Amino acid sequence: MQVSYKFKNRWVVRQIPGDQAIIGRPNASQSVDIDLSPDTTVSRVHARIWFVDGHHWVEDLGSRFGTEVNGKKIAGPVQVQIGTSIRIGETILRIDSTEG
């Protein structure tokens, strides 16, 4: 899976091996697949994105400030399309492709 994210007008593109990624900010006791540091509005374990049965999904994992899809706060798993705007803290993410 390829994911792009932007914080303070800087885009980063990441290839994520496998069909799932945990998004957040790591610390000594918790690792994440997509590290959104230095965005301090992102929780340590903030959200999860995954691909199953031909569809991409995103869900908030009990973060402090929540997760938005296309400008709307989500409450539970939400199916997303490639290119959909996902906001986590002050960072904007999008899934670019399934291949990784």
Protein backbone atom coordinates (compact mmCIF):
# COMPACT_ATOMS: atom_id res chain seq x y z
CA MET A 1 0.00 0.00 0.00
CA GLN A 2 1.34 3.46 -0.83
CA VAL A 3 0.36 6.32 1.48
CA SER A 4 1.19 10.03 1.14
CA TYR A 5 0.92 12.51 3.97
CA LYS A 6 1.46 16.24 4.37
CA PHE A 7 2.37 18.20 7.48
CA LYS A 8 3.30 21.90 7.27
CA ASN A 9 3.28 21.82 3.44
CA ARG A 10 5.79 18.95 3.25
CA TRP A 11 4.65 15.75 1.51
CA VAL A 12 6.09 12.35 2.38
CA VAL A 13 5.37 9.19 0.36
CA ARG A 14 5.63 5.80 2.08
CA GLN A 15 5.37 2.26 0.82
CA ILE A 16 3.70 0.15 3.49
CA PRO A 17 4.37 -3.58 3.29
CA GLY A 18 1.28 -5.68 3.80
CA ASP A 19 -2.36 -4.68 3.92
CA GLN A 20 -2.52 -2.76 7.21
CA ALA A 21 -0.82 0.20 8.90
CA ILE A 22 -1.08 1.74 12.37
CA ILE A 23 -0.71 5.53 12.32
CA GLY A 24 0.55 7.63 15.21
CA ARG A 25 3.66 8.76 17.07
CA PRO A 26 5.99 6.10 18.49
CA ASN A 27 7.44 5.94 21.97
CA ALA A 28 9.49 3.40 23.92
CA SER A 29 6.51 1.08 24.45
CA GLN A 30 4.62 1.50 21.17
CA SER A 31 5.73 1.38 17.54
CA VAL A 32 3.70 2.55 14.55
CA ASP A 33 3.85 1.86 10.82
CA ILE A 34 3.34 5.49 9.81
CA ASP A 35 5.10 7.93 12.15
CA LEU A 36 3.44 11.36 12.04
CA SER A 37 5.91 13.02 14.42
CA PRO A 38 6.39 15.97 14.90
CA ASP A 39 2.60 16.61 14.71
CA THR A 40 1.89 16.69 18.46
CA THR A 41 -1.90 16.64 17.85
CA VAL A 42 -1.54 13.02 16.71
CA SER A 43 -2.05 10.41 19.42
CA ARG A 44 0.54 7.69 20.02
CA VAL A 45 -1.77 5.09 18.47
CA HIS A 46 -4.16 7.25 16.49
CA ALA A 47 -5.71 5.34 13.59
CA ARG A 48 -5.50 2.27 11.41
CA ILE A 49 -5.80 1.90 7.65
CA TRP A 50 -6.16 -1.43 5.91
CA PHE A 51 -7.06 -3.11 2.64
CA VAL A 52 -9.38 -6.13 2.53
CA ASP A 53 -11.57 -7.68 -0.17
CA GLY A 54 -10.71 -4.95 -2.67
CA HIS A 55 -11.55 -2.02 -0.37
CA HIS A 56 -9.57 0.44 1.76
CA TRP A 57 -10.75 1.25 5.27
CA VAL A 58 -9.77 3.69 8.01
CA GLU A 59 -10.76 3.81 11.66
CA ASP A 60 -9.86 5.96 14.62
CA LEU A 61 -8.34 4.01 17.52
CA GLY A 62 -9.63 6.17 20.38
CA SER A 63 -7.42 9.17 19.67
CA ARG A 64 -7.74 12.42 21.61
CA PHE A 65 -8.68 14.64 18.64
CA GLY A 66 -10.27 12.11 16.31
CA THR A 67 -9.90 11.34 12.62
CA GLU A 68 -11.70 12.99 9.70
CA VAL A 69 -12.53 11.65 6.26
CA ASN A 70 -13.36 14.32 3.67
CA GLY A 71 -13.81 16.86 6.49
CA LYS A 72 -16.18 14.75 8.62
CA LYS A 73 -15.20 13.17 11.94
CA ILE A 74 -15.55 9.39 11.86
CA ALA A 75 -16.88 7.07 14.54
CA GLY A 76 -16.00 3.54 13.53
CA PRO A 77 -14.55 1.97 10.38
CA VAL A 78 -15.13 3.96 7.18
CA GLN A 79 -14.49 2.74 3.65
CA VAL A 80 -12.30 5.14 1.64
CA GLN A 81 -11.23 5.39 -1.97
CA ILE A 82 -7.74 5.98 -3.33
CA GLY A 83 -7.09 9.72 -3.03
CA THR A 84 -9.65 10.35 -0.26
CA SER A 85 -8.56 13.06 2.21
CA ILE A 86 -7.91 11.64 5.69
CA ARG A 87 -7.05 14.15 8.43
CA ILE A 88 -5.19 12.98 11.51
CA GLY A 89 -4.23 15.83 13.81
CA GLU A 90 -2.83 18.56 11.58
CA THR A 91 -1.64 16.02 9.00
CA ILE A 92 -3.48 15.15 5.77
CA LEU A 93 -3.11 11.59 4.44
CA ARG A 94 -4.26 9.81 1.31
CA ILE A 95 -3.95 6.27 0.07
CA ASP A 96 -2.27 6.39 -3.34
CA SER A 97 -2.38 2.74 -4.33
CA THR A 98 -2.89 -0.77 -3.07
CA GLU A 99 0.46 -1.98 -4.34
CA GLY A 100 3.44 -1.74 -2.08
